Amino acid sequence: MVRVLISDKMSPMAAKCFTQRGIEVDEKPGLSKDELLEIIADYDGLAVRSATKVTGKLLAAAKKLKVVGRAGIGTDNIDIPAATARGVAVMNTPFGNAITTAEHTIAMILSTARQIPAADASTRAGKWEKSAFMGVEVSGKILGIIGCGNIGAVVADRAQGLKMKVLAYDPFLTPERADDLNVKKVELEALFAEADFVSLHTPLTDATRGIIDAAAIAKMKDGVRIINCARGGLVDEEALAEALESGKVAGAAFDVFSEEPATENVLFDAPNMVATPHLGAATTEAQVNVAIQVAEQMADYLLTGAVTNALNMPSVSAEDAPRLKPYMSLAKDIGSFAGQVIESGLQSVTVEYEGHVAELNTRPLTAIVLQGLLRPMMDSVNMVNAPVIAKERNIEVTEVVHDREGDYQTLITLTVITENRKRVVAGTLFANGAPRIVRLDGVELEAELRPHMIFVVNDDEPGLIGALGTMLGEEGINIATFNLGREKKKKRAIALISVDQKVSPEFIERVARLDQVRQAKALAF
């Protein structure tokens, strides 16, 4: 039975979704770190919001864990490199609260423009200070958006409805996308110089931490207003507090802070400051949306292998997953075969796709080839961490997709360069979807990979097949299939023999000592 733990408070729709898919689910929000450590080993999936800290220590204890799902966008509370190293997929729900957060941003823009919270507090205190709360119109003003992804794009659309002009700084924003959004793409310096309002919608990374600091504020217009509904740490709060005191910044509105819960902060005493307690996604609709989305994504991955909104592995749609399944088996077999027959350090890997498979999403297939290739060298490798492990070991990985037609309707070819030689393994799918190895180092053959196999490279001379048969008979080992291929020019032959039981290392050593044999290996699939 597949089991999932929901460790943070979440809409009950998440648990209902898991249960409807046949997944056993436990809802245990509010667990202490030690309590979570004690039970995490029992679960295949972990669904969280922002309270649970998914640390390297927790992941090390999660022996069965396959996926962590974040009901929301930010994953600051998840150690993604540690998850990747352990082969755990990390997913978020980037679309579930985009509208809600964007609407909160617009509310914050209007609140700081018209000083609504301060005016409300003053009026409730029995004062009537009309002249103390002179505001500004947003119509015709320039809004500078830093980060024009899902949320930033919605903010731009809503701001244009208020007749604001929108500038956008985002290194990943294409000119075509900027045109579609009707925003002007600019560099950060130009945004600082021109914007009347600056709104942040970017994740917190090493590159974006403190993106608005004292130097950035100095480049802005006098009277600028700054809004942050994205991530604490994007703005230097000390510098902003000073700018609010001096009047350089006319107002600020923050929903996020560098340390949360923010029970105290230097900005709280600054003038013209609007603060809310991380309410960006706090609507009934958003909470239901992200709960359903994270449950569906996790269930799809655990039950079918479909990957949606993963941050550390290629996406595989629910539609693609069943189509890719037979190719995944083929990719794993090819990688595993190559991984077991190479005898020196890997330097580079090239995976080529042609025919029907070239029309599919090949990135996950390459990850699975790497998984099979690396598995003989290490235990804890899967399609999530295999590309990272290859990169860490300086193994160059290249993926090539051909539109040409070849001898087979589909073909995956793996070329491996090691310290001593090159190996080329190619495989295809037969009509029944069964994987077959059809080419090895230029030698044509046809072999179905079975649990116990013997691989032999030998000089193409008479007598070897008889000698092998005799040796296997003496050991009481039954032959299931005997696949042969030969290359006449090099007088070389290859044998792939499937047998009914595991063969001993001593037996393989005896085979290797035969005069015609160049290489002998026991293989397991």
Protein backbone atom coordinates (compact mmCIF):
# COMPACT_ATOMS: atom_id res chain seq x y z
CA MET A 1 0.00 0.00 0.00
CA VAL A 2 1.29 3.45 -0.97
CA ARG A 3 1.27 5.83 2.00
CA VAL A 4 1.40 9.64 2.14
CA LEU A 5 1.82 11.91 5.15
CA ILE A 6 0.30 15.41 5.24
CA SER A 7 2.41 17.18 7.87
CA ASP A 8 1.01 20.72 7.60
CA LYS A 9 -2.50 22.09 7.91
CA MET A 10 -4.12 21.74 4.50
CA SER A 11 -7.58 21.70 2.94
CA PRO A 12 -9.29 18.35 3.61
CA MET A 13 -9.64 18.05 -0.17
CA ALA A 14 -6.01 16.87 -0.32
CA ALA A 15 -6.66 13.82 1.86
CA LYS A 16 -9.89 13.13 -0.01
CA CYS A 17 -8.03 13.21 -3.33
CA PHE A 18 -5.39 10.74 -2.09
CA THR A 19 -8.02 8.39 -0.69
CA GLN A 20 -10.03 8.44 -3.91
CA ARG A 21 -6.90 7.37 -5.79
CA GLY A 22 -6.39 4.39 -3.46
CA ILE A 23 -3.53 5.92 -1.46
CA GLU A 24 -3.44 5.59 2.32
CA VAL A 25 -3.05 9.05 3.88
CA ASP A 26 -2.32 10.30 7.39
CA GLU A 27 -2.95 13.93 8.37
CA LYS A 28 -0.63 14.93 11.23
CA PRO A 29 -0.03 18.69 11.21
CA GLY A 30 1.97 20.22 14.04
CA LEU A 31 4.42 17.37 14.59
CA SER A 32 7.71 18.30 16.24
CA LYS A 33 10.96 17.67 14.37
CA ASP A 34 11.67 14.58 16.48
CA GLU A 35 8.14 13.21 16.05
CA LEU A 36 8.36 13.62 12.29
CA LEU A 37 11.77 11.92 12.23
CA GLU A 38 10.36 8.92 14.08
CA ILE A 39 7.61 8.18 11.55
CA ILE A 40 8.83 9.49 8.18
CA ALA A 41 10.40 6.14 7.21
CA ASP A 42 6.91 4.67 6.80
CA TYR A 43 5.85 6.98 3.96
CA ASP A 44 6.25 7.09 0.18
CA GLY A 45 5.11 10.72 -0.09
CA LEU A 46 5.20 13.84 2.08
CA ALA A 47 2.79 16.75 1.48
CA VAL A 48 3.76 20.05 3.14
CA ARG A 49 3.13 23.75 3.13
CA SER A 50 5.66 26.15 4.65
CA ALA A 51 5.77 24.99 8.28
CA THR A 52 7.46 21.61 7.84
CA LYS A 53 11.20 21.88 7.29
CA VAL A 54 12.27 19.12 4.92
CA THR A 55 15.95 18.97 5.90
CA GLY A 56 18.76 16.68 4.85
CA LYS A 57 18.43 14.90 8.20
CA LEU A 58 14.73 14.26 7.64
CA LEU A 59 15.36 13.02 4.09
CA ALA A 60 18.07 10.66 5.33
CA ALA A 61 15.53 9.09 7.67
CA ALA A 62 12.89 8.81 4.93
CA LYS A 63 14.01 5.47 3.50
CA LYS A 64 10.89 4.91 1.36
CA LEU A 65 10.23 8.51 0.37
CA LYS A 66 9.79 9.11 -3.36
CA VAL A 67 8.19 12.55 -3.53
CA VAL A 68 7.74 15.74 -1.51
CA GLY A 69 4.85 17.94 -2.59
CA ARG A 70 4.63 21.62 -1.59
CA ALA A 71 1.09 23.01 -1.61
CA GLY A 72 2.19 26.43 -2.83
CA ILE A 73 5.03 28.00 -4.77
CA GLY A 74 7.92 28.65 -2.40
CA THR A 75 10.19 25.73 -1.52
CA ASP A 76 12.59 27.55 0.83
CA ASN A 77 11.67 25.02 3.51
CA ILE A 78 12.81 22.05 1.39
CA ASP A 79 16.45 21.06 0.93
CA ILE A 80 16.15 20.36 -2.80
CA PRO A 81 19.82 19.37 -3.36
CA ALA A 82 19.56 16.83 -0.51
CA ALA A 83 16.28 15.52 -1.93
CA THR A 84 17.81 15.19 -5.38
CA ALA A 85 20.85 13.37 -4.01
CA ARG A 86 18.53 10.83 -2.38
CA GLY A 87 16.39 10.48 -5.49
CA VAL A 88 13.32 12.21 -4.06
CA ALA A 89 11.23 14.27 -6.47
CA VAL A 90 10.22 17.73 -5.24
CA MET A 91 7.04 19.29 -6.64
CA ASN A 92 5.24 22.56 -6.06
CA THR A 93 1.98 24.10 -7.30
CA PRO A 94 3.01 27.29 -9.10
CA PHE A 95 -0.41 28.02 -10.58
CA GLY A 96 -2.76 27.28 -7.68
CA ASN A 97 -2.38 30.61 -5.88
CA ALA A 98 -1.21 32.86 -8.71
CA ILE A 99 -4.46 34.83 -8.95
CA THR A 100 -4.85 35.09 -5.19
CA THR A 101 -1.33 36.39 -4.66
CA ALA A 102 -1.63 38.78 -7.60
CA GLU A 103 -4.87 40.18 -6.22
CA HIS A 104 -3.21 40.68 -2.83
CA THR A 105 -0.43 42.57 -4.58
CA ILE A 106 -2.92 44.89 -6.25
CA ALA A 107 -4.61 45.43 -2.88
CA MET A 108 -1.22 46.33 -1.37
CA ILE A 109 -0.48 48.76 -4.22
CA LEU A 110 -3.78 50.55 -3.61
CA SER A 111 -3.34 50.42 0.16
CA THR A 112 0.01 52.15 0.08
CA ALA A 113 -1.11 54.60 -2.61
CA ARG A 114 -4.06 55.75 -0.47
CA GLN A 115 -2.64 54.95 3.01
CA ILE A 116 -5.76 52.95 3.76
CA PRO A 117 -4.56 51.02 6.86
CA ALA A 118 -3.29 54.17 8.59
CA ALA A 119 -6.43 56.10 7.67
CA ASP A 120 -8.57 53.26 9.01
CA ALA A 121 -6.69 53.17 12.33
CA SER A 122 -6.92 56.96 12.67
CA THR A 123 -10.64 57.04 11.98
CA ARG A 124 -11.34 54.20 14.40
CA ALA A 125 -9.40 56.16 17.04
CA GLY A 126 -11.96 58.95 16.77
CA LYS A 127 -9.84 61.27 14.63
CA TRP A 128 -10.94 62.82 11.39
CA GLU A 129 -7.66 63.62 9.63
CA LYS A 130 -8.59 64.11 5.99
CA SER A 131 -5.56 66.26 5.27
CA ALA A 132 -3.14 63.79 6.89
CA PHE A 133 -3.75 61.07 4.33
CA MET A 134 -3.15 62.65 0.96
CA GLY A 135 -2.73 59.83 -1.54
CA VAL A 136 -1.79 59.38 -5.18
CA GLU A 137 -3.66 57.91 -8.13
CA VAL A 138 -2.32 54.73 -9.69
CA SER A 139 -3.85 55.53 -13.07
CA GLY A 140 -1.12 56.60 -15.46
CA LYS A 141 1.67 55.61 -13.07
CA ILE A 142 4.49 53.23 -14.00
CA LEU A 143 4.61 49.85 -12.28
CA GLY A 144 7.95 48.08 -12.37
CA ILE A 145 7.66 44.31 -11.95
CA ILE A 146 10.74 42.33 -10.96
CA GLY A 147 10.04 38.75 -12.05
CA CYS A 148 7.35 38.31 -14.68
CA GLY A 149 6.43 34.66 -14.24
CA ASN A 150 3.03 33.24 -13.34
CA ILE A 151 2.15 35.76 -10.62
CA GLY A 152 3.99 38.72 -12.14
CA ALA A 153 2.07 38.23 -15.40
CA VAL A 154 -1.29 38.32 -13.59
CA VAL A 155 -0.22 41.44 -11.67
CA ALA A 156 0.70 43.09 -14.97
CA ASP A 157 -2.71 42.26 -16.41
CA ARG A 158 -4.59 43.59 -13.39
CA ALA A 159 -2.44 46.72 -13.22
CA GLN A 160 -3.18 47.49 -16.84
CA GLY A 161 -6.85 47.29 -15.93
CA LEU A 162 -6.11 50.17 -13.53
CA LYS A 163 -4.51 52.03 -16.46
CA MET A 164 -0.98 51.64 -15.15
CA LYS A 165 1.98 51.32 -17.52
CA VAL A 166 4.04 48.21 -16.82
CA LEU A 167 7.79 47.66 -17.07
CA ALA A 168 9.19 44.18 -16.45
CA TYR A 169 12.64 42.97 -15.52
CA ASP A 170 13.06 39.20 -15.94
CA PRO A 171 16.09 37.55 -17.59
CA PHE A 172 13.83 34.70 -18.75
CA LEU A 173 11.13 36.89 -20.27
CA THR A 174 11.26 36.61 -24.06
CA PRO A 175 10.41 39.60 -26.28
CA GLU A 176 7.46 37.61 -27.67
CA ARG A 177 6.08 36.92 -24.20
CA ALA A 178 6.55 40.59 -23.25
CA ASP A 179 4.53 41.58 -26.31
CA ASP A 180 1.78 39.10 -25.39
CA LEU A 181 1.59 40.63 -21.90
CA ASN A 182 1.74 44.18 -23.28
CA VAL A 183 4.67 45.01 -20.98
CA LYS A 184 7.94 46.70 -21.78
CA LYS A 185 10.95 44.51 -21.01
CA VAL A 186 13.77 46.55 -19.46
CA GLU A 187 16.99 46.08 -17.56
CA LEU A 188 16.92 46.43 -13.78
CA GLU A 189 18.65 49.83 -13.78
CA ALA A 190 16.01 51.27 -16.13
CA LEU A 191 13.20 49.84 -14.00
CA PHE A 192 14.62 51.47 -10.87
CA ALA A 193 14.95 54.81 -12.65
CA GLU A 194 11.46 54.93 -14.19
CA ALA A 195 9.03 53.09 -11.89
CA ASP A 196 6.60 54.87 -9.53
CA PHE A 197 5.75 51.52 -7.92
CA VAL A 198 8.11 48.53 -7.72
CA SER A 199 6.64 45.08 -7.10
CA LEU A 200 8.69 41.92 -6.54
CA HIS A 201 7.65 38.52 -7.94
CA THR A 202 10.81 36.47 -8.02
CA PRO A 203 12.03 33.48 -5.98
CA LEU A 204 14.70 33.96 -3.33
CA THR A 205 18.04 32.78 -4.73
CA ASP A 206 21.65 33.79 -4.32
CA ALA A 207 21.17 36.06 -7.34
CA THR A 208 18.01 37.77 -6.02
CA ARG A 209 18.78 38.00 -2.31
CA GLY A 210 18.88 41.72 -1.43
CA ILE A 211 18.08 42.70 -5.01
CA ILE A 212 16.67 45.91 -3.53
CA ASP A 213 19.29 47.35 -1.19
CA ALA A 214 20.44 50.86 -0.32
CA ALA A 215 22.23 51.28 -3.66
CA ALA A 216 19.14 50.18 -5.60
CA ILE A 217 16.87 52.52 -3.62
CA ALA A 218 19.23 55.42 -4.34
CA LYS A 219 18.66 54.86 -8.07
CA MET A 220 14.87 55.03 -7.73
CA LYS A 221 12.58 58.02 -8.12
CA ASP A 222 11.92 60.13 -5.05
CA GLY A 223 8.55 59.07 -3.70
CA VAL A 224 8.68 55.53 -5.08
CA ARG A 225 6.53 52.85 -3.42
CA ILE A 226 7.81 49.30 -2.95
CA ILE A 227 5.63 46.18 -2.67
CA ASN A 228 6.85 42.69 -1.75
CA CYS A 229 4.41 39.78 -1.78
CA ALA A 230 7.03 37.30 -3.00
CA ARG A 231 9.77 36.29 -0.57
CA GLY A 232 11.39 37.78 2.52
CA GLY A 233 15.04 38.59 1.95
CA LEU A 234 14.59 40.14 -1.49
CA VAL A 235 14.71 43.59 0.13
CA ASP A 236 17.25 44.94 2.61
CA GLU A 237 14.78 45.83 5.37
CA GLU A 238 17.18 48.10 7.26
CA ALA A 239 17.87 50.12 4.11
CA LEU A 240 14.16 50.38 3.32
CA ALA A 241 13.32 51.52 6.85
CA GLU A 242 15.87 54.32 6.53
CA ALA A 243 14.46 55.30 3.12
CA LEU A 244 10.92 55.44 4.53
CA GLU A 245 12.11 57.64 7.40
CA SER A 246 13.88 60.01 5.03
CA GLY A 247 10.96 60.17 2.60
CA LYS A 248 13.00 58.84 -0.33
CA VAL A 249 10.49 55.98 -0.40
CA ALA A 250 6.94 57.30 0.01
CA GLY A 251 5.45 53.99 1.08
CA ALA A 252 5.95 50.25 1.24
CA ALA A 253 3.66 47.25 1.54
CA PHE A 254 5.06 43.88 2.59
CA ASP A 255 3.37 40.51 2.98
CA VAL A 256 6.67 38.65 3.54
CA PHE A 257 9.67 39.26 5.79
CA SER A 258 13.22 38.00 6.18
CA GLU A 259 12.27 36.14 9.35
CA GLU A 260 8.82 34.64 9.84
CA PRO A 261 6.71 34.58 11.87
CA ALA A 262 7.57 38.28 11.98
CA THR A 263 6.53 39.24 15.49
CA GLU A 264 8.94 42.18 15.31
CA ASN A 265 10.71 43.85 12.43
CA VAL A 266 12.54 47.10 11.77
CA LEU A 267 9.88 48.02 9.21
CA PHE A 268 7.02 47.89 11.69
CA ASP A 269 7.94 51.30 13.14
CA ALA A 270 8.60 52.93 9.77
CA PRO A 271 6.14 55.53 8.42
CA ASN A 272 3.76 54.71 5.57
CA MET A 273 4.38 50.99 5.95
CA VAL A 274 1.63 48.41 5.29
CA ALA A 275 2.27 44.92 6.69
CA THR A 276 0.29 41.69 6.40
CA PRO A 277 1.18 38.23 7.82
CA HIS A 278 2.00 36.31 4.63
CA LEU A 279 -1.55 36.37 3.30
CA GLY A 280 -0.71 36.13 -0.41
CA ALA A 281 -2.25 32.68 -0.78
CA ALA A 282 -4.76 33.04 2.05
CA THR A 283 -8.06 32.68 0.27
CA THR A 284 -10.46 29.78 0.46
CA GLU A 285 -10.20 29.22 -3.27
CA ALA A 286 -6.40 29.17 -3.32
CA GLN A 287 -6.11 26.77 -0.37
CA VAL A 288 -8.49 24.31 -2.00
CA ASN A 289 -6.75 24.68 -5.38
CA VAL A 290 -3.22 24.04 -4.12
CA ALA A 291 -4.36 21.16 -1.90
CA ILE A 292 -6.06 19.39 -4.78
CA GLN A 293 -3.19 20.11 -7.16
CA VAL A 294 -0.44 18.83 -4.89
CA ALA A 295 -2.43 15.68 -4.09
CA GLU A 296 -3.14 14.98 -7.75
CA GLN A 297 0.48 15.57 -8.75
CA MET A 298 1.84 13.34 -6.01
CA ALA A 299 -0.71 10.61 -6.70
CA ASP A 300 0.05 10.68 -10.42
CA TYR A 301 3.76 10.29 -9.72
CA LEU A 302 3.38 7.52 -7.14
CA LEU A 303 0.84 5.54 -9.17
CA THR A 304 1.71 6.18 -12.83
CA GLY A 305 5.10 7.91 -12.95
CA ALA A 306 3.64 11.12 -14.37
CA VAL A 307 5.69 14.16 -13.31
CA THR A 308 4.14 17.64 -13.05
CA ASN A 309 5.78 20.81 -11.70
CA ALA A 310 8.82 18.95 -10.41
CA LEU A 311 11.76 21.18 -9.52
CA ASN A 312 14.49 18.55 -9.78
CA MET A 313 13.52 16.25 -12.65
CA PRO A 314 11.98 16.41 -16.15
CA SER A 315 8.22 16.65 -16.43
CA VAL A 316 6.24 13.69 -17.76
CA SER A 317 2.59 14.44 -18.44
CA ALA A 318 -0.17 12.02 -17.48
CA GLU A 319 -0.75 11.58 -21.21
CA ASP A 320 2.92 10.86 -21.92
CA ALA A 321 3.48 8.51 -18.97
CA PRO A 322 1.76 5.42 -20.47
CA ARG A 323 3.29 6.11 -23.89
CA LEU A 324 6.74 6.42 -22.38
CA LYS A 325 6.46 3.33 -20.17
CA PRO A 326 7.74 0.72 -22.67
CA TYR A 327 10.51 3.10 -23.76
CA MET A 328 11.47 3.58 -20.12
CA SER A 329 11.99 -0.18 -19.81
CA LEU A 330 14.10 -0.15 -22.96
CA ALA A 331 16.13 2.86 -21.77
CA LYS A 332 16.79 1.21 -18.41
CA ASP A 333 17.87 -2.05 -20.07
CA ILE A 334 20.26 -0.27 -22.43
CA GLY A 335 21.81 1.75 -19.63
CA SER A 336 22.05 -1.25 -17.33
CA PHE A 337 23.66 -3.38 -20.03
CA ALA A 338 26.31 -0.75 -20.75
CA GLY A 339 26.90 -0.12 -17.05
CA GLN A 340 27.64 -3.80 -16.44
CA VAL A 341 29.99 -4.38 -19.38
CA ILE A 342 32.20 -1.27 -19.08
CA GLU A 343 35.38 -1.82 -17.11
CA SER A 344 36.87 1.66 -16.60
CA GLY A 345 35.85 5.18 -15.58
CA LEU A 346 33.10 6.97 -17.50
CA GLN A 347 34.01 10.14 -19.39
CA SER A 348 31.06 10.88 -21.67
CA VAL A 349 27.62 9.56 -22.55
CA THR A 350 25.61 10.22 -25.72
CA VAL A 351 22.02 9.03 -26.07
CA GLU A 352 20.49 9.13 -29.56
CA TYR A 353 16.81 8.72 -30.40
CA GLU A 354 15.31 7.99 -33.79
CA GLY A 355 11.98 6.80 -35.14
CA HIS A 356 8.82 6.85 -32.99
CA VAL A 357 10.69 7.51 -29.75
CA ALA A 358 12.15 10.72 -31.20
CA GLU A 359 8.64 12.18 -31.26
CA LEU A 360 8.23 11.78 -27.48
CA ASN A 361 9.56 13.63 -24.43
CA THR A 362 13.07 12.16 -24.35
CA ARG A 363 14.51 13.96 -21.32
CA PRO A 364 13.13 11.48 -18.77
CA LEU A 365 14.38 8.63 -20.97
CA THR A 366 17.91 10.02 -20.85
CA ALA A 367 17.65 10.23 -17.07
CA ILE A 368 16.60 6.57 -16.97
CA VAL A 369 19.49 5.56 -19.26
CA LEU A 370 21.84 7.27 -16.80
CA GLN A 371 20.12 5.51 -13.92
CA GLY A 372 20.74 2.12 -15.50
CA LEU A 373 24.29 3.06 -16.45
CA LEU A 374 25.25 4.23 -12.97
CA ARG A 375 23.34 1.62 -10.95
CA PRO A 376 26.14 -1.03 -11.10
CA MET A 377 28.48 1.52 -9.50
CA MET A 378 26.19 2.75 -6.71
CA ASP A 379 23.02 1.69 -4.93
CA SER A 380 21.01 4.86 -4.40
CA VAL A 381 20.60 6.12 -7.95
CA ASN A 382 17.34 6.76 -9.80
CA MET A 383 16.01 9.00 -12.57
CA VAL A 384 15.84 11.96 -10.18
CA ASN A 385 19.45 12.04 -9.05
CA ALA A 386 21.20 10.27 -11.95
CA PRO A 387 21.76 13.48 -14.02
CA VAL A 388 23.11 15.27 -10.93
CA ILE A 389 25.45 12.40 -10.08
CA ALA A 390 26.74 12.38 -13.67
CA LYS A 391 27.42 16.11 -13.50
CA GLU A 392 29.16 15.82 -10.13
CA ARG A 393 31.46 13.16 -11.60
CA ASN A 394 32.24 15.31 -14.65
CA ILE A 395 30.56 12.86 -17.02
CA GLU A 396 29.56 14.75 -20.15
CA VAL A 397 25.99 13.87 -21.16
CA THR A 398 24.62 14.62 -24.64
CA GLU A 399 21.14 13.95 -25.99
CA VAL A 400 20.54 13.78 -29.75
CA VAL A 401 17.14 13.45 -31.44
CA HIS A 402 17.09 12.42 -35.13
CA ASP A 403 14.20 12.88 -37.54
CA ARG A 404 15.71 10.38 -39.97
CA GLU A 405 14.24 6.95 -40.70
CA GLY A 406 16.44 3.97 -39.92
CA ASP A 407 16.27 0.20 -39.98
CA TYR A 408 13.90 0.15 -37.01
CA GLN A 409 10.65 1.95 -36.28
CA THR A 410 12.22 3.11 -33.03
CA LEU A 411 15.82 3.01 -31.87
CA ILE A 412 17.74 4.22 -28.82
CA THR A 413 21.51 4.20 -29.16
CA LEU A 414 23.83 4.72 -26.20
CA THR A 415 27.47 5.60 -26.80
CA VAL A 416 29.71 5.47 -23.75
CA ILE A 417 33.31 6.74 -23.73
CA THR A 418 35.43 5.37 -20.91
CA GLU A 419 39.07 5.84 -20.02
CA ASN A 420 40.02 2.87 -22.19
CA ARG A 421 37.45 2.41 -24.94
CA LYS A 422 34.12 3.21 -26.54
CA ARG A 423 30.99 1.10 -26.14
CA VAL A 424 27.90 1.45 -28.33
CA VAL A 425 24.64 -0.26 -27.35
CA ALA A 426 21.42 0.07 -29.34
CA GLY A 427 17.96 -1.25 -28.60
CA THR A 428 14.45 -1.23 -29.94
CA LEU A 429 10.92 -2.33 -29.08
CA PHE A 430 9.35 -5.26 -30.87
CA ALA A 431 5.67 -5.29 -31.82
CA ASN A 432 4.64 -6.63 -28.43
CA GLY A 433 6.49 -3.80 -26.67
CA ALA A 434 9.30 -6.09 -25.51
CA PRO A 435 12.75 -4.43 -25.37
CA ARG A 436 15.53 -5.97 -27.45
CA ILE A 437 19.25 -5.22 -27.75
CA VAL A 438 19.93 -5.15 -31.50
CA ARG A 439 23.45 -3.76 -31.82
CA LEU A 440 26.59 -3.84 -29.73
CA ASP A 441 29.85 -2.20 -30.80
CA GLY A 442 28.91 -2.56 -34.45
CA VAL A 443 27.81 -6.18 -34.13
CA GLU A 444 24.19 -6.91 -35.09
CA LEU A 445 22.30 -9.30 -32.83
CA GLU A 446 18.87 -9.73 -31.30
CA ALA A 447 18.66 -10.35 -27.56
CA GLU A 448 15.95 -10.08 -24.93
CA LEU A 449 17.45 -9.18 -21.57
CA ARG A 450 16.50 -11.64 -18.85
CA PRO A 451 17.31 -11.83 -15.11
CA HIS A 452 20.47 -13.97 -15.45
CA MET A 453 22.75 -13.61 -18.45
CA ILE A 454 26.33 -14.28 -19.56
CA PHE A 455 28.02 -11.85 -21.92
CA VAL A 456 31.01 -13.08 -23.94
CA VAL A 457 33.17 -11.31 -26.52
CA ASN A 458 35.40 -13.76 -28.38
CA ASP A 459 37.48 -14.36 -31.47
CA ASP A 460 35.24 -15.69 -34.23
CA GLU A 461 36.69 -19.20 -34.33
CA PRO A 462 35.08 -22.63 -34.18
CA GLY A 463 34.68 -24.41 -30.87
CA LEU A 464 33.59 -21.71 -28.45
CA ILE A 465 29.87 -22.48 -28.45
CA GLY A 466 30.56 -26.14 -27.80
CA ALA A 467 32.99 -25.31 -25.00
CA LEU A 468 30.51 -22.95 -23.33
CA GLY A 469 27.71 -25.47 -23.63
CA THR A 470 29.83 -28.18 -22.09
CA MET A 471 30.91 -25.96 -19.19
CA LEU A 472 27.33 -24.91 -18.45
CA GLY A 473 26.19 -28.53 -18.57
CA GLU A 474 28.89 -29.54 -16.13
CA GLU A 475 27.65 -26.84 -13.74
CA GLY A 476 24.05 -27.98 -14.12
CA ILE A 477 23.04 -24.60 -15.56
CA ASN A 478 20.26 -24.67 -18.13
CA ILE A 479 20.41 -22.38 -21.18
CA ALA A 480 17.21 -20.43 -21.89
CA THR A 481 18.35 -18.51 -24.97
CA PHE A 482 21.62 -18.23 -26.87
CA ASN A 483 21.99 -15.02 -28.91
CA LEU A 484 24.92 -14.63 -31.30
CA GLY A 485 26.34 -11.85 -33.43
CA ARG A 486 29.57 -11.58 -35.43
CA GLU A 487 31.70 -9.01 -37.22
CA LYS A 488 33.56 -10.83 -39.99
CA LYS A 489 36.10 -8.09 -40.78
CA LYS A 490 37.41 -7.99 -37.23
CA LYS A 491 36.88 -11.74 -36.76
CA ARG A 492 34.99 -10.97 -33.60
CA ALA A 493 31.81 -12.48 -32.17
CA ILE A 494 29.47 -11.70 -29.28
CA ALA A 495 27.31 -14.10 -27.32
CA LEU A 496 24.48 -13.17 -24.96
CA ILE A 497 23.29 -16.26 -23.13
CA SER A 498 20.34 -16.24 -20.74
CA VAL A 499 20.36 -18.96 -18.12
CA ASP A 500 17.93 -20.15 -15.47
CA GLN A 501 20.07 -19.31 -12.47
CA LYS A 502 22.80 -17.02 -11.24
CA VAL A 503 26.31 -18.08 -12.24
CA SER A 504 29.24 -17.85 -9.86
CA PRO A 505 32.24 -15.52 -10.27
CA GLU A 506 34.44 -18.62 -10.41
CA PHE A 507 32.54 -19.92 -13.42
CA ILE A 508 32.92 -16.58 -15.23
CA GLU A 509 36.67 -16.68 -14.51
CA ARG A 510 36.86 -20.14 -16.11
CA VAL A 511 35.05 -18.80 -19.20
CA ALA A 512 37.40 -15.81 -19.38
CA ARG A 513 40.39 -18.16 -19.43
CA LEU A 514 39.27 -19.85 -22.66
CA ASP A 515 41.70 -19.06 -25.47
CA GLN A 516 39.17 -17.36 -27.79
CA VAL A 517 37.52 -15.21 -25.09
CA ARG A 518 38.34 -11.48 -24.85
CA GLN A 519 35.77 -10.58 -22.20
CA ALA A 520 33.29 -12.49 -20.05
CA LYS A 521 30.73 -11.01 -17.69
CA ALA A 522 27.79 -12.18 -15.66
CA LEU A 523 24.85 -9.78 -16.10
CA ALA A 524 21.70 -9.31 -14.04
CA PHE A 525 18.50 -7.51 -15.08
